[in-house]
Protein backbone atom coordinates (compact mmCIF):
# COMPACT_ATOMS: atom_id res chain seq x y z
CA MET A 1 182.74 -21.48 173.21
CA ARG A 2 182.74 -25.32 173.48
CA PHE A 3 180.39 -27.35 175.71
CA GLU A 4 180.80 -31.09 176.41
CA PHE A 5 178.21 -33.11 178.33
CA VAL A 6 178.67 -36.83 179.13
CA PHE A 7 175.67 -38.87 180.30
CA GLY A 8 174.74 -42.53 180.48
CA ASN A 9 172.14 -44.23 178.31
CA SER A 10 169.12 -44.28 180.68
CA ILE A 11 165.76 -42.65 179.91
CA GLY A 12 166.40 -40.31 182.85
CA ASP A 13 169.65 -39.23 181.25
CA GLU A 14 167.84 -38.49 177.95
CA LYS A 15 165.49 -36.16 179.85
CA LYS A 16 168.48 -34.43 181.36
CA ILE A 17 169.97 -33.94 177.89
CA GLY A 18 166.70 -32.36 176.70
CA ILE A 19 166.65 -29.99 179.65
CA VAL A 20 170.25 -28.94 179.01
CA ARG A 21 169.59 -28.37 175.31
CA ARG A 22 166.62 -26.12 176.08
CA ALA A 23 168.68 -24.19 178.63
CA LEU A 24 171.47 -23.71 176.10
CA ALA A 25 169.01 -22.46 173.47
CA LEU A 26 167.57 -19.93 175.93
CA SER A 27 171.06 -18.73 176.93
CA LEU A 28 172.09 -18.25 173.30
CA SER A 29 168.87 -16.34 172.59
CA ILE A 30 169.53 -13.97 175.48
CA ALA A 31 173.13 -13.50 174.32
CA CYS A 32 171.95 -12.62 170.79
CA ILE A 33 169.41 -10.10 172.10
CA GLY A 34 172.14 -8.49 174.20
CA ALA A 35 174.43 -8.25 171.17
CA MET A 36 171.66 -6.64 169.11
CA THR A 37 171.03 -4.08 171.87
CA VAL A 38 174.68 -3.03 171.85
CA THR A 39 174.73 -2.73 168.05
CA ALA A 40 171.60 -0.53 167.99
CA SER A 41 173.34 2.21 169.96
CA ALA A 42 176.72 2.00 168.25
CA ALA A 43 176.35 4.99 165.87
CA THR A 44 177.83 8.39 166.68
CA SER A 45 177.03 11.77 165.17
CA GLU A 46 179.68 13.09 162.82
CA LEU A 47 178.80 16.59 164.07
CA THR A 48 179.04 16.12 167.85
CA GLY A 49 180.74 12.77 168.44
CA MET A 50 177.75 11.84 170.60
CA GLU A 51 175.67 8.69 170.34
CA VAL A 52 172.76 8.70 167.86
CA SER A 53 170.29 6.13 166.62
CA ASP A 54 171.45 3.86 163.82
CA ALA A 55 168.32 4.97 161.96
CA ILE A 56 169.86 8.39 161.26
CA ALA A 57 173.52 7.39 161.00
CA GLY A 58 173.58 8.06 157.25
CA GLN A 59 171.22 11.02 157.31
CA ARG A 60 172.63 14.28 155.95
CA PRO A 61 172.21 17.43 158.05
CA VAL A 62 170.10 20.48 157.39
CA ALA A 63 171.36 24.04 157.88
CA ILE A 64 168.58 26.42 158.93
CA MET A 65 168.97 30.18 158.57
CA VAL A 66 167.72 31.91 161.71
CA ASP A 67 167.04 35.64 161.99
CA ASN A 68 169.11 37.19 164.79
CA GLU A 69 167.58 40.66 164.87
CA LYS A 70 166.27 41.54 168.33
CA LYS A 71 162.67 41.60 167.10
CA ALA A 72 163.05 37.96 166.00
CA LEU A 73 163.63 36.83 169.59
CA ALA A 74 162.89 34.63 171.34
CA HIS A 75 164.10 31.91 168.98
CA TYR A 76 162.56 28.47 168.76
CA GLY A 77 164.64 25.29 168.44
CA THR A 78 168.12 26.79 168.30
CA ALA A 79 169.15 25.00 171.51
CA GLU A 80 168.69 21.67 169.68
CA ALA A 81 171.25 22.54 166.98
CA ASP A 82 174.49 20.54 166.86
CA ILE A 83 176.56 23.36 165.35
CA VAL A 84 175.72 27.06 165.25
CA TYR A 85 177.53 29.54 163.00
CA GLU A 86 177.30 33.23 163.78
CA MET A 87 178.41 35.72 161.15
CA MET A 88 177.75 39.18 159.84
CA ASN A 89 174.65 39.25 157.71
CA SER A 90 175.51 42.67 156.38
CA THR A 91 178.07 45.41 156.86
CA ALA A 92 175.07 47.72 157.22
CA ASN A 93 172.81 47.88 160.31
CA SER A 94 175.76 47.86 162.71
CA ARG A 95 176.85 44.50 161.29
CA VAL A 96 173.81 42.60 162.53
CA THR A 97 174.49 38.85 162.67
CA ARG A 98 172.52 35.86 161.46
CA LEU A 99 172.71 32.29 162.74
CA MET A 100 173.09 29.17 160.63
CA CYS A 101 171.98 26.22 162.77
CA ILE A 102 173.01 22.72 161.69
CA TYR A 103 170.98 19.69 162.78
CA LYS A 104 171.73 16.00 162.32
CA ASP A 105 168.44 14.74 163.78
CA TRP A 106 165.94 17.05 162.06
CA THR A 107 162.92 14.91 161.20
CA ASN A 108 161.27 15.46 164.59
CA LEU A 109 162.07 19.16 165.04
CA GLN A 110 159.33 21.21 166.60
CA GLN A 111 158.83 24.88 165.72
CA THR A 112 162.24 26.23 164.65
CA GLY A 113 163.27 29.74 163.68
CA SER A 114 162.18 32.26 162.70
CA ILE A 115 163.87 31.63 159.39
CA ARG A 116 165.20 34.23 157.01
CA SER A 117 167.24 34.60 153.83
CA ALA A 118 170.64 33.08 153.07
CA ARG A 119 173.89 34.61 151.86
CA THR A 120 176.62 33.30 149.56
CA THR A 121 178.77 32.26 152.53
CA ASN A 122 176.00 30.03 153.85
CA VAL A 123 175.81 28.07 150.59
CA VAL A 124 179.57 27.49 150.62
CA LEU A 125 179.57 26.35 154.24
CA THR A 126 176.74 23.85 153.66
CA GLY A 127 178.99 22.31 150.99
CA GLU A 128 181.37 20.90 153.58
CA TYR A 129 178.52 19.18 155.44
CA ASN A 130 176.58 18.06 152.32
CA ALA A 131 173.74 19.77 154.18
CA VAL A 132 170.45 21.00 152.75
CA LEU A 133 170.12 24.75 153.25
CA ILE A 134 166.76 25.84 154.69
CA HIS A 135 166.02 29.53 154.09
CA ASP A 136 163.65 32.05 152.57
CA GLY A 137 165.27 33.60 149.53
CA GLY A 138 168.28 35.87 149.52
CA PRO A 139 170.02 38.46 147.33
CA PHE A 140 170.52 37.60 143.66
CA TYR A 141 174.19 36.85 144.39
CA ILE A 142 173.25 33.46 145.83
CA LYS A 143 171.81 32.20 142.52
CA THR A 144 175.25 31.38 141.10
CA TYR A 145 176.14 29.48 144.28
CA LEU A 146 172.84 27.58 144.47
CA ALA A 147 173.46 26.39 140.90
CA LYS A 148 176.66 24.60 141.93
CA PRO A 149 176.49 20.78 141.81
CA TYR A 150 176.90 20.32 145.57
CA ALA A 151 174.23 22.86 146.57
CA ALA A 152 170.83 21.65 147.82
CA HIS A 153 168.23 23.90 149.38
CA LEU A 154 164.59 24.54 150.23
CA SER A 155 163.46 28.14 150.09
CA GLY A 156 160.32 29.74 151.52
CA GLY A 157 156.79 28.44 151.84
CA PHE A 158 157.25 27.22 155.42
CA SER A 159 154.78 27.60 158.27
CA ARG A 160 153.54 31.06 159.21
CA ILE A 161 152.88 31.57 162.92
CA ASN A 162 150.79 34.50 164.08
CA ASN A 163 153.04 35.93 166.78
CA GLY A 164 152.02 39.59 166.55
CA LYS A 165 155.23 40.56 164.75
CA PRO A 166 155.76 41.90 161.20
CA ARG A 167 155.50 39.19 158.52
CA GLU A 168 159.26 38.80 158.05
CA PHE A 169 159.50 37.48 161.62
CA THR A 170 156.68 34.91 161.39
CA GLU A 171 158.10 32.04 159.29
CA TYR A 172 159.09 28.82 161.07
CA VAL A 173 159.90 25.27 160.03
CA PHE A 174 158.93 21.90 161.53
CA GLY A 175 160.61 18.51 161.11
CA GLN A 176 157.61 16.83 159.48
CA GLU A 177 157.39 19.76 157.10
CA LEU A 178 160.99 19.09 156.06
CA VAL A 179 160.26 15.39 155.56
CA ASN A 180 157.38 16.30 153.23
CA ARG A 181 159.34 18.95 151.35
CA PHE A 182 162.31 16.61 150.86
CA ALA A 183 159.97 14.06 149.29
CA ALA A 184 158.12 16.59 147.13
CA ASN A 185 161.40 18.02 145.80
CA LYS A 186 163.02 14.58 145.39
CA LEU A 187 165.84 15.54 147.74
CA SER A 188 167.79 12.70 149.27
CA ALA A 189 167.77 12.60 153.07
CA ALA A 190 170.96 10.52 152.88
CA TYR A 191 174.40 11.82 151.99
CA THR A 192 174.80 12.45 148.27
CA ILE A 193 178.53 13.16 148.51
CA ALA A 194 180.71 10.78 150.50
CA PRO A 195 182.03 12.55 153.60
CA GLU A 196 185.73 13.35 153.64
CA ARG A 197 186.03 11.20 156.79
CA PRO A 198 183.66 9.51 159.26
CA SER A 199 183.48 12.52 161.63
CA HIS A 200 183.46 16.18 160.71
CA PHE A 201 185.84 17.04 163.54
CA VAL A 202 188.50 15.00 165.31
CA PHE A 203 187.01 14.24 168.73
CA TYR A 204 188.73 13.46 172.01
CA PRO A 205 187.55 10.06 173.33
CA GLU A 206 186.88 11.63 176.76
CA ASP A 207 186.24 15.13 178.05
CA THR A 208 189.66 16.79 177.93
CA GLU A 209 191.21 19.89 179.48
CA LEU A 210 193.41 22.06 177.29
CA GLY A 211 196.98 22.27 178.53
CA SER A 212 197.04 26.02 178.05
CA PRO A 213 197.73 28.99 180.32
CA MET A 214 195.18 31.10 178.42
CA VAL A 215 192.03 31.51 180.54
CA ALA A 216 188.75 31.74 178.63
CA ASN A 217 185.87 32.31 181.00
CA VAL A 218 184.58 35.22 178.91
CA VAL A 219 184.52 35.42 175.11
CA ASN A 220 183.48 39.00 174.40
CA MET A 221 182.61 39.79 170.77
CA ALA A 222 180.53 42.87 171.61
CA ASN A 223 182.98 45.18 169.82
CA ILE A 224 182.94 42.94 166.74
CA PHE A 225 179.26 42.02 166.44
CA VAL A 226 178.31 45.45 167.77
CA HIS A 227 174.61 45.22 166.91
CA ASN A 228 174.04 41.95 168.78
CA LYS A 229 176.76 42.43 171.43
CA SER A 230 177.47 38.70 171.29
CA GLN A 231 179.25 37.03 174.20
CA LEU A 232 179.93 33.50 175.43
CA LEU A 233 180.31 33.02 179.18
CA TYR A 234 181.72 29.87 180.71
CA ASN A 235 179.29 28.04 182.97
CA ALA A 236 181.38 26.04 185.45
CA GLY A 237 178.34 24.02 186.51
CA THR A 238 177.61 22.66 183.03
CA ARG A 239 181.18 23.05 181.70
CA THR A 240 179.73 24.72 178.61
CA TYR A 241 179.60 28.25 177.18
CA ASP A 242 176.27 30.08 177.44
CA TYR A 243 175.46 32.44 174.57
CA TYR A 244 174.42 36.01 175.37
CA GLU A 245 173.27 38.75 173.03
CA TYR A 246 171.53 42.08 173.51
CA ASP A 247 172.87 41.95 177.10
CA ALA A 248 170.79 38.87 177.99
CA LEU A 249 171.13 35.08 178.14
CA HIS A 250 169.75 33.48 174.98
CA THR A 251 167.00 31.02 175.89
CA ASP A 252 164.61 28.99 173.77
CA ALA A 253 161.05 30.28 173.58
CA GLU A 254 159.58 26.80 173.84
CA ASP A 255 161.20 25.47 176.99
CA GLY A 256 163.59 28.14 178.29
CA GLN A 257 166.63 26.02 177.46
CA PRO A 258 169.79 28.16 177.17
CA LEU A 259 171.82 28.13 173.98
CA THR A 260 175.07 26.62 175.23
CA PHE A 261 178.14 24.98 173.69
CA LYS A 262 180.88 22.57 174.70
CA ASN A 263 183.21 23.93 172.05
CA VAL A 264 183.86 27.44 170.74
CA ILE A 265 185.78 28.00 167.51
CA LEU A 266 186.60 31.54 166.43
CA GLN A 267 187.82 32.12 162.88
CA ASN A 268 189.63 35.30 161.90
CA THR A 269 188.11 35.62 158.42
CA SER A 270 188.47 38.27 155.73
CA PHE A 271 185.50 39.27 153.59
CA LYS A 272 184.61 41.21 150.46
CA ASN A 273 181.82 43.73 150.11
CA LEU A 274 179.59 42.90 147.14
CA ASP A 275 177.81 46.25 146.87
CA ALA A 276 176.89 49.45 148.68
CA ASN A 277 173.91 47.77 150.39
CA GLY A 278 176.10 45.83 152.80
CA TYR A 279 175.99 42.41 151.10
CA LEU A 280 179.25 40.54 151.55
CA ASN A 281 181.02 37.26 151.05
CA TYR A 282 183.32 35.76 153.69
CA ASP A 283 186.55 34.21 152.40
CA VAL A 284 185.86 30.86 154.06
CA VAL A 285 187.73 28.99 151.34
CA GLY A 286 191.30 29.80 152.28
CA SER A 287 193.10 29.98 155.61
CA GLY A 288 193.52 32.11 158.68
CA SER A 289 194.08 32.23 162.42
CA GLY A 290 191.72 31.77 165.34
CA TYR A 291 191.07 30.20 168.72
CA TYR A 292 189.71 26.93 170.02
CA ILE A 293 188.03 27.25 173.44
CA THR A 294 186.66 24.63 175.83
CA ASN A 295 186.43 24.01 179.59
CA GLY A 296 187.55 27.53 180.47
CA LYS A 297 190.77 27.53 178.43
CA ALA A 298 191.78 28.64 174.94
CA ILE A 299 194.52 27.81 172.47
CA PRO A 300 195.57 29.71 169.33
CA ILE A 301 194.84 27.81 166.12
CA THR A 302 195.01 28.16 162.38
CA TRP A 303 192.27 27.04 160.00
CA SER A 304 192.22 25.93 156.39
CA LYS A 305 189.48 25.06 153.88
CA ALA A 306 190.62 23.89 150.43
CA SER A 307 187.35 24.08 148.48
CA ASP A 308 183.60 24.62 148.82
CA THR A 309 183.01 20.97 149.72
CA ALA A 310 186.18 20.43 151.77
CA ILE A 311 186.03 20.28 155.56
CA THR A 312 187.48 23.24 157.43
CA HIS A 313 190.45 21.82 159.33
CA TYR A 314 191.84 23.36 162.53
CA PHE A 315 195.49 23.11 163.56
CA GLY A 316 197.44 23.72 166.74
CA ALA A 317 200.78 25.46 167.23
CA ASP A 318 202.60 22.24 166.35
CA GLY A 319 200.91 22.08 162.95
CA ALA A 320 198.87 18.96 163.81
CA GLU A 321 195.09 18.92 163.47
CA ILE A 322 193.46 19.56 166.83
CA ALA A 323 190.87 17.38 168.53
CA ILE A 324 187.79 18.91 170.17
CA ASN A 325 185.51 17.70 172.92
CA LYS A 326 182.32 15.84 172.15
CA GLY A 327 179.25 18.03 172.18
CA LYS A 328 177.78 21.09 170.51
CA THR A 329 179.98 23.65 168.79
CA TYR A 330 179.73 27.40 168.20
CA ILE A 331 181.68 28.71 165.21
CA GLY A 332 182.06 32.46 164.95
CA LEU A 333 183.22 33.98 161.68
CA LEU A 334 184.84 37.12 163.04
CA PRO A 335 185.69 39.69 160.36
CA SER A 336 189.41 40.36 160.07
CA ASP A 337 189.05 44.15 160.14
CA THR A 338 187.73 44.01 163.73
CA TRP A 339 189.46 40.81 164.93
CA GLY A 340 191.65 42.92 167.18
CA ASN A 341 188.56 43.91 169.21
CA LEU A 342 188.06 40.35 170.46
CA GLN A 343 188.42 39.92 174.23
CA VAL A 344 189.06 36.48 175.74
CA TYR A 345 189.81 36.33 179.46
């Protein structure tokens, strides 16, 4: 911008010049403050595509293992998660599921959980987010995975809440507790491995409808996750998918907030049994088929993950990587041997 002011040489004119200079200084100050305000809200979450504070732009996520047995309900803090994975925890116990909840903004989390043990698949999945796994132990199979260079975790010793349940359902984690444990264990809160790209998913710039004839108002996994009877039902009012299990809407114990998602990704995933006790490992490094679901519609997709630390990429029928809507995402690892029991309508 260029300003030119022409005055005479009188004392009155000098006063006018002074007034103009002060006005210009004030205008420039206001302009600078406005610019700083815009910059402060410029960061977006790599997990949701939504706006976040610059203060956490470079903060790595945490992945918290949450018990999904009926006795563990009601959960605390799951509605705040950016991404929730649901997967078989065991081939025993009617294939009971466990949740892995991923949070970008975790330092201020209130009571979250209850938390339980991790499995080998969880360690591998945290690799693609450079996330710190929060859990309480696990079978000896995870030791080899936790020893890998990319793996970071905090196990056990979190807050015990007297809730009248058996001890295994009483362990919860708080954000300040994580801050302290990170420091005590010399874990970096910032990314230690450069992300593959700025955002974990490709996001549409605006909320987008899928140009698909496949209606997806109900995502019924009850004949796959038979213990939990998991379902996702489209809520036309919020344009998100509400999570149901055990024949009831999943709500947060703290504030009654429903667990709901803008995006649903279903992966047809093979697995290997590790022993006769039901322990297993999903073949998440590899490729397969699936569905992407949003706004009441679904499209068939394929997925591919090249290594433990590589992002899982999702592709449409044309072979191009798909974009998803901004917001929270549910990812279901549906075992291939019961994939045919999935109902989407």
